[in-house]
Amino acid sequence: MKKPLLPLALVPAALAIAAVAHAHNAICSCFENEDSSITCEGGFSDGAKAVGVPIQVVDAAGKVLVDGAMDKTSSFKFAKPKVPFRVKFNAGEGHIVTIDGRDIEK
């Protein structure tokens, strides 16, 4: 008697669904402080902290103005650049958040 192939065909689908269920998204938001510095806070949609996640501030040409990493509170503070800039929170492939400096609330 032949065994049905359907249960074997379902294994890859079940594994894919399990991987998606454990996926998390990178989250980063920035705000301007009263002293004209910028603070960015990061983390993941599953509640994980972003300690050590690299963060860069780049100008319009892509030149790195500030290079650092999230601290133990998953935040990063820097002096507001005098030129147009973007903040790049890079938690790895598929987990990159870019924030235009014009979108940062005062």
PDB file of N, CA and C in Angstrom:
ATOM      1  N   MET A   1       0.833  -1.171   0.000  1.00  0.00           N
ATOM      2  CA  MET A   1       0.000   0.000   0.000  1.00  0.00           C
ATOM      3  C   MET A   1       0.887   1.246   0.000  1.00  0.00           C
ATOM      4  N   LYS A   2       0.574   2.204  -0.866  1.00  0.00           N
ATOM      5  CA  LYS A   2       1.335   3.449  -0.961  1.00  0.00           C
ATOM      6  C   LYS A   2       0.937   4.407   0.152  1.00  0.00           C
ATOM      7  N   LYS A   3       1.935   5.056   0.703  1.00  0.00           N
ATOM      8  CA  LYS A   3       1.655   6.063   1.722  1.00  0.00           C
ATOM      9  C   LYS A   3       1.352   7.389   1.035  1.00  0.00           C
ATOM     10  N   PRO A   4       0.415   8.127   1.552  1.00  0.00           N
ATOM     11  CA  PRO A   4       0.096   9.414   0.931  1.00  0.00           C
ATOM     12  C   PRO A   4       1.258  10.397   1.092  1.00  0.00           C
ATOM     13  N   LEU A   5       1.500  11.189   0.071  1.00  0.00           N
ATOM     14  CA  LEU A   5       2.574  12.172   0.088  1.00  0.00           C
ATOM     15  C   LEU A   5       2.159  13.504   0.712  1.00  0.00           C
ATOM     16  N   LEU A   6       0.880  13.690   0.928  1.00  0.00           N
ATOM     17  CA  LEU A   6       0.401  14.959   1.464  1.00  0.00           C
ATOM     18  C   LEU A   6       1.048  15.339   2.792  1.00  0.00           C
ATOM     19  N   PRO A   7       1.159  14.440   3.782  1.00  0.00           N
ATOM     20  CA  PRO A   7       1.796  14.836   5.043  1.00  0.00           C
ATOM     21  C   PRO A   7       3.235  15.310   4.847  1.00  0.00           C
ATOM     22  N   LEU A   8       3.982  14.677   3.950  1.00  0.00           N
ATOM     23  CA  LEU A   8       5.358  15.114   3.690  1.00  0.00           C
ATOM     24  C   LEU A   8       5.391  16.466   3.000  1.00  0.00           C
ATOM     25  N   ALA A   9       4.419  16.725   2.169  1.00  0.00           N
ATOM     26  CA  ALA A   9       4.359  18.013   1.473  1.00  0.00           C
ATOM     27  C   ALA A   9       4.026  19.145   2.437  1.00  0.00           C
ATOM     28  N   LEU A  10       3.372  18.845   3.522  1.00  0.00           N
ATOM     29  CA  LEU A  10       2.990  19.873   4.492  1.00  0.00           C
ATOM     30  C   LEU A  10       4.139  20.295   5.410  1.00  0.00           C
ATOM     31  N   VAL A  11       5.170  19.486   5.526  1.00  0.00           N
ATOM     32  CA  VAL A  11       6.282  19.791   6.423  1.00  0.00           C
ATOM     33  C   VAL A  11       6.959  21.120   6.062  1.00  0.00           C
ATOM     34  N   PRO A  12       7.357  21.360   4.805  1.00  0.00           N
ATOM     35  CA  PRO A  12       7.980  22.641   4.488  1.00  0.00           C
ATOM     36  C   PRO A  12       7.047  23.825   4.760  1.00  0.00           C
ATOM     37  N   ALA A  13       5.778  23.670   4.473  1.00  0.00           N
ATOM     38  CA  ALA A  13       4.825  24.748   4.726  1.00  0.00           C
ATOM     39  C   ALA A  13       4.718  25.032   6.220  1.00  0.00           C
ATOM     40  N   ALA A  14       4.693  24.001   7.036  1.00  0.00           N
ATOM     41  CA  ALA A  14       4.610  24.184   8.485  1.00  0.00           C
ATOM     42  C   ALA A  14       5.858  24.881   9.018  1.00  0.00           C
ATOM     43  N   LEU A  15       7.018  24.511   8.484  1.00  0.00           N
ATOM     44  CA  LEU A  15       8.262  25.165   8.909  1.00  0.00           C
ATOM     45  C   LEU A  15       8.276  26.634   8.511  1.00  0.00           C
ATOM     46  N   ALA A  16       7.794  26.950   7.335  1.00  0.00           N
ATOM     47  CA  ALA A  16       7.739  28.339   6.880  1.00  0.00           C
ATOM     48  C   ALA A  16       6.808  29.160   7.752  1.00  0.00           C
ATOM     49  N   ILE A  17       5.677  28.607   8.108  1.00  0.00           N
ATOM     50  CA  ILE A  17       4.727  29.309   8.968  1.00  0.00           C
ATOM     51  C   ILE A  17       5.332  29.540  10.353  1.00  0.00           C
ATOM     52  N   ALA A  18       6.050  28.568  10.865  1.00  0.00           N
ATOM     53  CA  ALA A  18       6.684  28.717  12.182  1.00  0.00           C
ATOM     54  C   ALA A  18       7.736  29.809  12.149  1.00  0.00           C
ATOM     55  N   ALA A  19       8.494  29.894  11.064  1.00  0.00           N
ATOM     56  CA  ALA A  19       9.522  30.938  10.948  1.00  0.00           C
ATOM     57  C   ALA A  19       8.889  32.317  10.922  1.00  0.00           C
ATOM     58  N   VAL A  20       7.797  32.467  10.199  1.00  0.00           N
ATOM     59  CA  VAL A  20       7.113  33.756  10.135  1.00  0.00           C
ATOM     60  C   VAL A  20       6.548  34.120  11.499  1.00  0.00           C
ATOM     61  N   ALA A  21       6.048  33.161  12.218  1.00  0.00           N
ATOM     62  CA  ALA A  21       5.467  33.421  13.535  1.00  0.00           C
ATOM     63  C   ALA A  21       6.503  33.958  14.512  1.00  0.00           C
ATOM     64  N   HIS A  22       7.776  33.562  14.342  1.00  0.00           N
ATOM     65  CA  HIS A  22       8.831  34.022  15.228  1.00  0.00           C
ATOM     66  C   HIS A  22       9.576  35.239  14.684  1.00  0.00           C
ATOM     67  N   ALA A  23       9.186  35.749  13.540  1.00  0.00           N
ATOM     68  CA  ALA A  23       9.851  36.902  12.942  1.00  0.00           C
ATOM     69  C   ALA A  23       9.568  38.149  13.777  1.00  0.00           C
ATOM     70  N   HIS A  24      10.458  39.107  13.678  1.00  0.00           N
ATOM     71  CA  HIS A  24      10.263  40.377  14.357  1.00  0.00           C
ATOM     72  C   HIS A  24      10.738  41.502  13.448  1.00  0.00           C
ATOM     73  N   ASN A  25      10.156  42.650  13.621  1.00  0.00           N
ATOM     74  CA  ASN A  25      10.511  43.806  12.813  1.00  0.00           C
ATOM     75  C   ASN A  25      11.326  44.783  13.642  1.00  0.00           C
ATOM     76  N   ALA A  26      12.250  45.453  12.988  1.00  0.00           N
ATOM     77  CA  ALA A  26      13.032  46.490  13.646  1.00  0.00           C
ATOM     78  C   ALA A  26      12.173  47.738  13.779  1.00  0.00           C
ATOM     79  N   ILE A  27      12.314  48.413  14.910  1.00  0.00           N
ATOM     80  CA  ILE A  27      11.571  49.642  15.172  1.00  0.00           C
ATOM     81  C   ILE A  27      12.562  50.695  15.644  1.00  0.00           C
ATOM     82  N   CYS A  28      12.470  51.885  15.089  1.00  0.00           N
ATOM     83  CA  CYS A  28      13.329  52.977  15.524  1.00  0.00           C
ATOM     84  C   CYS A  28      12.557  54.282  15.361  1.00  0.00           C
ATOM     85  N   SER A  29      12.639  55.120  16.366  1.00  0.00           N
ATOM     86  CA  SER A  29      12.035  56.444  16.268  1.00  0.00           C
ATOM     87  C   SER A  29      13.001  57.445  16.880  1.00  0.00           C
ATOM     88  N   CYS A  30      12.950  58.671  16.364  1.00  0.00           N
ATOM     89  CA  CYS A  30      13.856  59.721  16.825  1.00  0.00           C
ATOM     90  C   CYS A  30      13.057  60.971  17.157  1.00  0.00           C
ATOM     91  N   PHE A  31      13.586  61.759  18.084  1.00  0.00           N
ATOM     92  CA  PHE A  31      12.958  63.032  18.429  1.00  0.00           C
ATOM     93  C   PHE A  31      14.046  64.044  18.776  1.00  0.00           C
ATOM     94  N   GLU A  32      13.708  65.311  18.585  1.00  0.00           N
ATOM     95  CA  GLU A  32      14.650  66.384  18.883  1.00  0.00           C
ATOM     96  C   GLU A  32      14.463  66.822  20.324  1.00  0.00           C
ATOM     97  N   ASN A  33      15.579  66.996  21.027  1.00  0.00           N
ATOM     98  CA  ASN A  33      15.565  67.441  22.415  1.00  0.00           C
ATOM     99  C   ASN A  33      15.605  68.965  22.486  1.00  0.00           C
ATOM    100  N   GLU A  34      15.341  69.519  23.649  1.00  0.00           N
ATOM    101  CA  GLU A  34      15.354  70.972  23.833  1.00  0.00           C
ATOM    102  C   GLU A  34      16.714  71.584  23.537  1.00  0.00           C
ATOM    103  N   ASP A  35      17.786  70.812  23.704  1.00  0.00           N
ATOM    104  CA  ASP A  35      19.134  71.326  23.453  1.00  0.00           C
ATOM    105  C   ASP A  35      19.571  71.139  21.998  1.00  0.00           C
ATOM    106  N   SER A  36      18.623  70.854  21.103  1.00  0.00           N
ATOM    107  CA  SER A  36      18.860  70.640  19.664  1.00  0.00           C
ATOM    108  C   SER A  36      19.624  69.356  19.357  1.00  0.00           C
ATOM    109  N   SER A  37      19.771  68.476  20.335  1.00  0.00           N
ATOM    110  CA  SER A  37      20.334  67.155  20.043  1.00  0.00           C
ATOM    111  C   SER A  37      19.180  66.260  19.600  1.00  0.00           C
ATOM    112  N   ILE A  38      19.531  65.116  19.054  1.00  0.00           N
ATOM    113  CA  ILE A  38      18.540  64.140  18.605  1.00  0.00           C
ATOM    114  C   ILE A  38      18.733  62.862  19.419  1.00  0.00           C
ATOM    115  N   THR A  39      17.632  62.287  19.875  1.00  0.00           N
ATOM    116  CA  THR A  39      17.673  60.989  20.543  1.00  0.00           C
ATOM    117  C   THR A  39      16.866  60.001  19.715  1.00  0.00           C
ATOM    118  N   CYS A  40      17.468  58.859  19.442  1.00  0.00           N
ATOM    119  CA  CYS A  40      16.775  57.782  18.725  1.00  0.00           C
ATOM    120  C   CYS A  40      16.647  56.596  19.677  1.00  0.00           C
ATOM    121  N   GLU A  41      15.487  55.960  19.644  1.00  0.00           N
ATOM    122  CA  GLU A  41      15.225  54.781  20.453  1.00  0.00           C
ATOM    123  C   GLU A  41      14.875  53.635  19.515  1.00  0.00           C
ATOM    124  N   GLY A  42      15.413  52.457  19.793  1.00  0.00           N
ATOM    125  CA  GLY A  42      15.178  51.328  18.910  1.00  0.00           C
ATOM    126  C   GLY A  42      14.816  50.066  19.660  1.00  0.00           C
ATOM    127  N   GLY A  43      14.317  49.111  18.911  1.00  0.00           N
ATOM    128  CA  GLY A  43      13.956  47.822  19.469  1.00  0.00           C
ATOM    129  C   GLY A  43      13.352  46.957  18.386  1.00  0.00           C
ATOM    130  N   PHE A  44      12.640  45.933  18.814  1.00  0.00           N
ATOM    131  CA  PHE A  44      12.026  44.998  17.875  1.00  0.00           C
ATOM    132  C   PHE A  44      10.572  44.770  18.258  1.00  0.00           C
ATOM    133  N   SER A  45       9.778  44.421  17.280  1.00  0.00           N
ATOM    134  CA  SER A  45       8.338  44.253  17.483  1.00  0.00           C
ATOM    135  C   SER A  45       8.004  43.149  18.478  1.00  0.00           C
ATOM    136  N   ASP A  46       8.942  42.249  18.738  1.00  0.00           N
ATOM    137  CA  ASP A  46       8.684  41.189  19.717  1.00  0.00           C
ATOM    138  C   ASP A  46       9.078  41.609  21.133  1.00  0.00           C
ATOM    139  N   GLY A  47       9.465  42.885  21.301  1.00  0.00           N
ATOM    140  CA  GLY A  47       9.825  43.412  22.610  1.00  0.00           C
ATOM    141  C   GLY A  47      11.304  43.356  22.923  1.00  0.00           C
ATOM    142  N   ALA A  48      12.096  42.753  22.053  1.00  0.00           N
ATOM    143  CA  ALA A  48      13.540  42.661  22.287  1.00  0.00           C
ATOM    144  C   ALA A  48      14.188  44.041  22.196  1.00  0.00           C
ATOM    145  N   LYS A  49      15.227  44.224  23.003  1.00  0.00           N
ATOM    146  CA  LYS A  49      15.971  45.480  22.988  1.00  0.00           C
ATOM    147  C   LYS A  49      16.940  45.507  21.814  1.00  0.00           C
ATOM    148  N   ALA A  50      17.462  46.686  21.537  1.00  0.00           N
ATOM    149  CA  ALA A  50      18.372  46.877  20.409  1.00  0.00           C
ATOM    150  C   ALA A  50      19.779  47.237  20.876  1.00  0.00           C
ATOM    151  N   VAL A  51      20.169  46.770  22.036  1.00  0.00           N
ATOM    152  CA  VAL A  51      21.482  47.067  22.585  1.00  0.00           C
ATOM    153  C   VAL A  51      22.571  46.666  21.593  1.00  0.00           C
ATOM    154  N   GLY A  52      23.468  47.602  21.279  1.00  0.00           N
ATOM    155  CA  GLY A  52      24.584  47.323  20.373  1.00  0.00           C
ATOM    156  C   GLY A  52      24.270  47.415  18.895  1.00  0.00           C
ATOM    157  N   VAL A  53      23.011  47.650  18.532  1.00  0.00           N
ATOM    158  CA  VAL A  53      22.659  47.748  17.109  1.00  0.00           C
ATOM    159  C   VAL A  53      23.320  49.002  16.525  1.00  0.00           C
ATOM    160  N   PRO A  54      24.036  48.863  15.407  1.00  0.00           N
ATOM    161  CA  PRO A  54      24.691  50.007  14.789  1.00  0.00           C
ATOM    162  C   PRO A  54      23.690  51.071  14.308  1.00  0.00           C
ATOM    163  N   ILE A  55      24.096  52.318  14.451  1.00  0.00           N
ATOM    164  CA  ILE A  55      23.288  53.425  13.974  1.00  0.00           C
ATOM    165  C   ILE A  55      24.232  54.455  13.361  1.00  0.00           C
ATOM    166  N   GLN A  56      23.842  54.973  12.216  1.00  0.00           N
ATOM    167  CA  GLN A  56      24.649  55.975  11.532  1.00  0.00           C
ATOM    168  C   GLN A  56      23.780  57.166  11.176  1.00  0.00           C
ATOM    169  N   VAL A  57      24.420  58.329  11.155  1.00  0.00           N
ATOM    170  CA  VAL A  57      23.790  59.543  10.660  1.00  0.00           C
ATOM    171  C   VAL A  57      24.579  59.913   9.411  1.00  0.00           C
ATOM    172  N   VAL A  58      23.881  60.024   8.286  1.00  0.00           N
ATOM    173  CA  VAL A  58      24.547  60.295   7.009  1.00  0.00           C
ATOM    174  C   VAL A  58      23.959  61.550   6.368  1.00  0.00           C
ATOM    175  N   ASP A  59      24.779  62.223   5.553  1.00  0.00           N
ATOM    176  CA  ASP A  59      24.280  63.389   4.836  1.00  0.00           C
ATOM    177  C   ASP A  59      23.622  62.966   3.527  1.00  0.00           C
ATOM    178  N   ALA A  60      23.197  63.940   2.736  1.00  0.00           N
ATOM    179  CA  ALA A  60      22.472  63.650   1.495  1.00  0.00           C
ATOM    180  C   ALA A  60      23.295  62.834   0.503  1.00  0.00           C
ATOM    181  N   ALA A  61      24.621  62.961   0.555  1.00  0.00           N
ATOM    182  CA  ALA A  61      25.497  62.218  -0.346  1.00  0.00           C
ATOM    183  C   ALA A  61      25.854  60.837   0.201  1.00  0.00           C
ATOM    184  N   GLY A  62      25.407  60.532   1.416  1.00  0.00           N
ATOM    185  CA  GLY A  62      25.711  59.239   2.020  1.00  0.00           C
ATOM    186  C   GLY A  62      26.957  59.234   2.885  1.00  0.00           C
ATOM    187  N   LYS A  63      27.592  60.401   3.050  1.00  0.00           N
ATOM    188  CA  LYS A  63      28.791  60.494   3.890  1.00  0.00           C
ATOM    189  C   LYS A  63      28.381  60.341   5.355  1.00  0.00           C
ATOM    190  N   VAL A  64      29.101  59.491   6.089  1.00  0.00           N
ATOM    191  CA  VAL A  64      28.794  59.243   7.494  1.00  0.00           C
ATOM    192  C   VAL A  64      29.214  60.455   8.325  1.00  0.00           C
ATOM    193  N   LEU A  65      28.229  61.033   9.023  1.00  0.00           N
ATOM    194  CA  LEU A  65      28.484  62.176   9.901  1.00  0.00           C
ATOM    195  C   LEU A  65      28.689  61.718  11.344  1.00  0.00           C
ATOM    196  N   VAL A  66      27.934  60.714  11.752  1.00  0.00           N
ATOM    197  CA  VAL A  66      28.011  60.154  13.101  1.00  0.00           C
ATOM    198  C   VAL A  66      27.883  58.637  12.972  1.00  0.00           C
ATOM    199  N   ASP A  67      28.748  57.915  13.670  1.00  0.00           N
ATOM    200  CA  ASP A  67      28.737  56.461  13.631  1.00  0.00           C
ATOM    201  C   ASP A  67      28.717  55.961  15.073  1.00  0.00           C
ATOM    202  N   GLY A  68      27.749  55.128  15.416  1.00  0.00           N
ATOM    203  CA  GLY A  68      27.676  54.645  16.792  1.00  0.00           C
ATOM    204  C   GLY A  68      26.830  53.401  16.899  1.00  0.00           C
ATOM    205  N   ALA A  69      26.335  53.158  18.115  1.00  0.00           N
ATOM    206  CA  ALA A  69      25.500  51.982  18.381  1.00  0.00           C
ATOM    207  C   ALA A  69      24.536  52.310  19.521  1.00  0.00           C
ATOM    208  N   MET A  70      23.427  51.592  19.545  1.00  0.00           N
ATOM    209  CA  MET A  70      22.448  51.758  20.609  1.00  0.00           C
ATOM    210  C   MET A  70      23.088  51.371  21.940  1.00  0.00           C
ATOM    211  N   ASP A  71      22.802  52.145  22.991  1.00  0.00           N
ATOM    212  CA  ASP A  71      23.377  51.866  24.311  1.00  0.00           C
ATOM    213  C   ASP A  71      22.550  50.836  25.071  1.00  0.00           C
ATOM    214  N   LYS A  72      22.835  50.661  26.357  1.00  0.00           N
ATOM    215  CA  LYS A  72      22.158  49.626  27.148  1.00  0.00           C
ATOM    216  C   LYS A  72      20.672  49.894  27.342  1.00  0.00           C
ATOM    217  N   THR A  73      20.222  51.122  27.047  1.00  0.00           N
ATOM    218  CA  THR A  73      18.794  51.440  27.129  1.00  0.00           C
ATOM    219  C   THR A  73      18.148  51.449  25.740  1.00  0.00           C
ATOM    220  N   SER A  74      18.888  50.949  24.743  1.00  0.00           N
ATOM    221  CA  SER A  74      18.429  50.911  23.347  1.00  0.00           C
ATOM    222  C   SER A  74      18.151  52.311  22.803  1.00  0.00           C
ATOM    223  N   SER A  75      19.011  53.257  23.172  1.00  0.00           N
ATOM    224  CA  SER A  75      18.882  54.611  22.643  1.00  0.00           C
ATOM    225  C   SER A  75      20.247  55.128  22.203  1.00  0.00           C
ATOM    226  N   PHE A  76      20.207  56.200  21.418  1.00  0.00           N
ATOM    227  CA  PHE A  76      21.431  56.805  20.892  1.00  0.00           C
ATOM    228  C   PHE A  76      21.172  58.297  20.747  1.00  0.00           C
ATOM    229  N   LYS A  77      22.062  59.123  21.297  1.00  0.00           N
ATOM    230  CA  LYS A  77      21.905  60.581  21.255  1.00  0.00           C
ATOM    231  C   LYS A  77      23.076  61.188  20.493  1.00  0.00           C
ATOM    232  N   PHE A  78      22.764  62.181  19.643  1.00  0.00           N
ATOM    233  CA  PHE A  78      23.810  62.850  18.869  1.00  0.00           C
ATOM    234  C   PHE A  78      23.421  64.301  18.637  1.00  0.00           C
ATOM    235  N   ALA A  79      24.425  65.128  18.325  1.00  0.00           N
ATOM    236  CA  ALA A  79      24.184  66.541  18.011  1.00  0.00           C
ATOM    237  C   ALA A  79      23.510  66.634  16.647  1.00  0.00           C
ATOM    238  N   LYS A  80      22.486  67.462  16.560  1.00  0.00           N
ATOM    239  CA  LYS A  80      21.766  67.623  15.294  1.00  0.00           C
ATOM    240  C   LYS A  80      22.696  68.245  14.252  1.00  0.00           C
ATOM    241  N   PRO A  81      22.872  67.566  13.117  1.00  0.00           N
ATOM    242  CA  PRO A  81      23.729  68.114  12.063  1.00  0.00           C
ATOM    243  C   PRO A  81      23.163  69.410  11.478  1.00  0.00           C
ATOM    244  N   LYS A  82      24.034  70.237  10.962  1.00  0.00           N
ATOM    245  CA  LYS A  82      23.632  71.509  10.334  1.00  0.00           C
ATOM    246  C   LYS A  82      23.196  71.304   8.894  1.00  0.00           C
ATOM    247  N   VAL A  83      23.393  70.114   8.366  1.00  0.00           N
ATOM    248  CA  VAL A  83      23.045  69.798   6.972  1.00  0.00           C
ATOM    249  C   VAL A  83      21.906  68.776   6.956  1.00  0.00           C
ATOM    250  N   PRO A  84      21.207  68.642   5.820  1.00  0.00           N
ATOM    251  CA  PRO A  84      20.169  67.603   5.729  1.00  0.00           C
ATOM    252  C   PRO A  84      20.795  66.231   6.018  1.00  0.00           C
ATOM    253  N   PHE A  85      20.050  65.387   6.744  1.00  0.00           N
ATOM    254  CA  PHE A  85      20.608  64.094   7.156  1.00  0.00           C
ATOM    255  C   PHE A  85      19.537  63.021   7.232  1.00  0.00           C
ATOM    256  N   ARG A  86      20.022  61.771   7.325  1.00  0.00           N
ATOM    257  CA  ARG A  86      19.175  60.599   7.541  1.00  0.00           C
ATOM    258  C   ARG A  86      19.810  59.768   8.653  1.00  0.00           C
ATOM    259  N   VAL A  87      18.969  59.099   9.417  1.00  0.00           N
ATOM    260  CA  VAL A  87      19.434  58.185  10.458  1.00  0.00           C
ATOM    261  C   VAL A  87      19.206  56.771   9.941  1.00  0.00           C
ATOM    262  N   LYS A  88      20.231  55.923  10.039  1.00  0.00           N
ATOM    263  CA  LYS A  88      20.126  54.525   9.611  1.00  0.00           C
ATOM    264  C   LYS A  88      20.341  53.614  10.806  1.00  0.00           C
ATOM    265  N   PHE A  89      19.280  52.894  11.179  1.00  0.00           N
ATOM    266  CA  PHE A  89      19.294  51.907  12.250  1.00  0.00           C
ATOM    267  C   PHE A  89      19.435  50.565  11.554  1.00  0.00           C
ATOM    268  N   ASN A  90      20.586  49.898  11.727  1.00  0.00           N
ATOM    269  CA  ASN A  90      20.887  48.704  10.939  1.00  0.00           C
ATOM    270  C   ASN A  90      21.012  47.465  11.824  1.00  0.00           C
ATOM    271  N   ALA A  91      19.896  46.753  11.975  1.00  0.00           N
ATOM    272  CA  ALA A  91      19.877  45.533  12.786  1.00  0.00           C
ATOM    273  C   ALA A  91      20.078  44.289  11.930  1.00  0.00           C
ATOM    274  N   GLY A  92      20.619  44.457  10.739  1.00  0.00           N
ATOM    275  CA  GLY A  92      20.897  43.317   9.870  1.00  0.00           C
ATOM    276  C   GLY A  92      19.970  43.268   8.677  1.00  0.00           C
ATOM    277  N   GLU A  93      20.273  42.383   7.767  1.00  0.00           N
ATOM    278  CA  GLU A  93      19.500  42.254   6.534  1.00  0.00           C
ATOM    279  C   GLU A  93      18.007  42.119   6.825  1.00  0.00           C
ATOM    280  N   GLY A  94      17.228  42.972   6.182  1.00  0.00           N
ATOM    281  CA  GLY A  94      15.782  42.959   6.378  1.00  0.00           C
ATOM    282  C   GLY A  94      15.332  43.691   7.632  1.00  0.00           C
ATOM    283  N   HIS A  95      16.269  44.228   8.389  1.00  0.00           N
ATOM    284  CA  HIS A  95      15.956  44.928   9.629  1.00  0.00           C
ATOM    285  C   HIS A  95      16.637  46.289   9.655  1.00  0.00           C
ATOM    286  N   ILE A  96      16.478  47.041   8.587  1.00  0.00           N
ATOM    287  CA  ILE A  96      17.076  48.370   8.485  1.00  0.00           C
ATOM    288  C   ILE A  96      15.962  49.408   8.474  1.00  0.00           C
ATOM    289  N   VAL A  97      16.088  50.394   9.348  1.00  0.00           N
ATOM    290  CA  VAL A  97      15.128  51.492   9.404  1.00  0.00           C
ATOM    291  C   VAL A  97      15.886  52.767   9.062  1.00  0.00           C
ATOM    292  N   THR A  98      15.369  53.525   8.100  1.00  0.00           N
ATOM    293  CA  THR A  98      15.969  54.801   7.724  1.00  0.00           C
ATOM    294  C   THR A  98      14.967  55.906   8.020  1.00  0.00           C
ATOM    295  N   ILE A  99      15.429  56.941   8.722  1.00  0.00           N
ATOM    296  CA  ILE A  99      14.568  58.065   9.084  1.00  0.00           C
ATOM    297  C   ILE A  99      15.178  59.338   8.511  1.00  0.00           C
ATOM    298  N   ASP A 100      14.394  60.041   7.712  1.00  0.00           N
ATOM    299  CA  ASP A 100      14.817  61.336   7.164  1.00  0.00           C
ATOM    300  C   ASP A 100      14.802  62.371   8.287  1.00  0.00           C
ATOM    301  N   GLY A 101      15.841  63.163   8.375  1.00  0.00           N
ATOM    302  CA  GLY A 101      15.920  64.180   9.419  1.00  0.00           C
ATOM    303  C   GLY A 101      14.757  65.144   9.417  1.00  0.00           C
ATOM    304  N   ARG A 102      14.156  65.380   8.246  1.00  0.00           N
ATOM    305  CA  ARG A 102      12.997  66.286   8.159  1.00  0.00           C
ATOM    306  C   ARG A 102      11.773  65.709   8.849  1.00  0.00           C
ATOM    307  N   ASP A 103      11.753  64.394   9.067  1.00  0.00           N
ATOM    308  CA  ASP A 103      10.603  63.732   9.684  1.00  0.00           C
ATOM    309  C   ASP A 103      10.721  63.610  11.211  1.00  0.00           C
ATOM    310  N   ILE A 104      11.826  64.105  11.760  1.00  0.00           N
ATOM    311  CA  ILE A 104      12.046  64.011  13.208  1.00  0.00           C
ATOM    312  C   ILE A 104      11.307  65.140  13.894  1.00  0.00           C
ATOM    313  N   GLU A 105      10.449  64.780  14.849  1.00  0.00           N
ATOM    314  CA  GLU A 105       9.634  65.766  15.555  1.00  0.00           C
ATOM    315  C   GLU A 105      10.434  66.542  16.583  1.00  0.00           C
ATOM    316  N   LYS A 106      10.049  67.807  16.722  1.00  0.00           N
ATOM    317  CA  LYS A 106      10.698  68.682  17.705  1.00  0.00           C
ATOM    318  C   LYS A 106       9.966  68.636  19.014  1.00  0.00           C
TER     319      LYS A 106
END
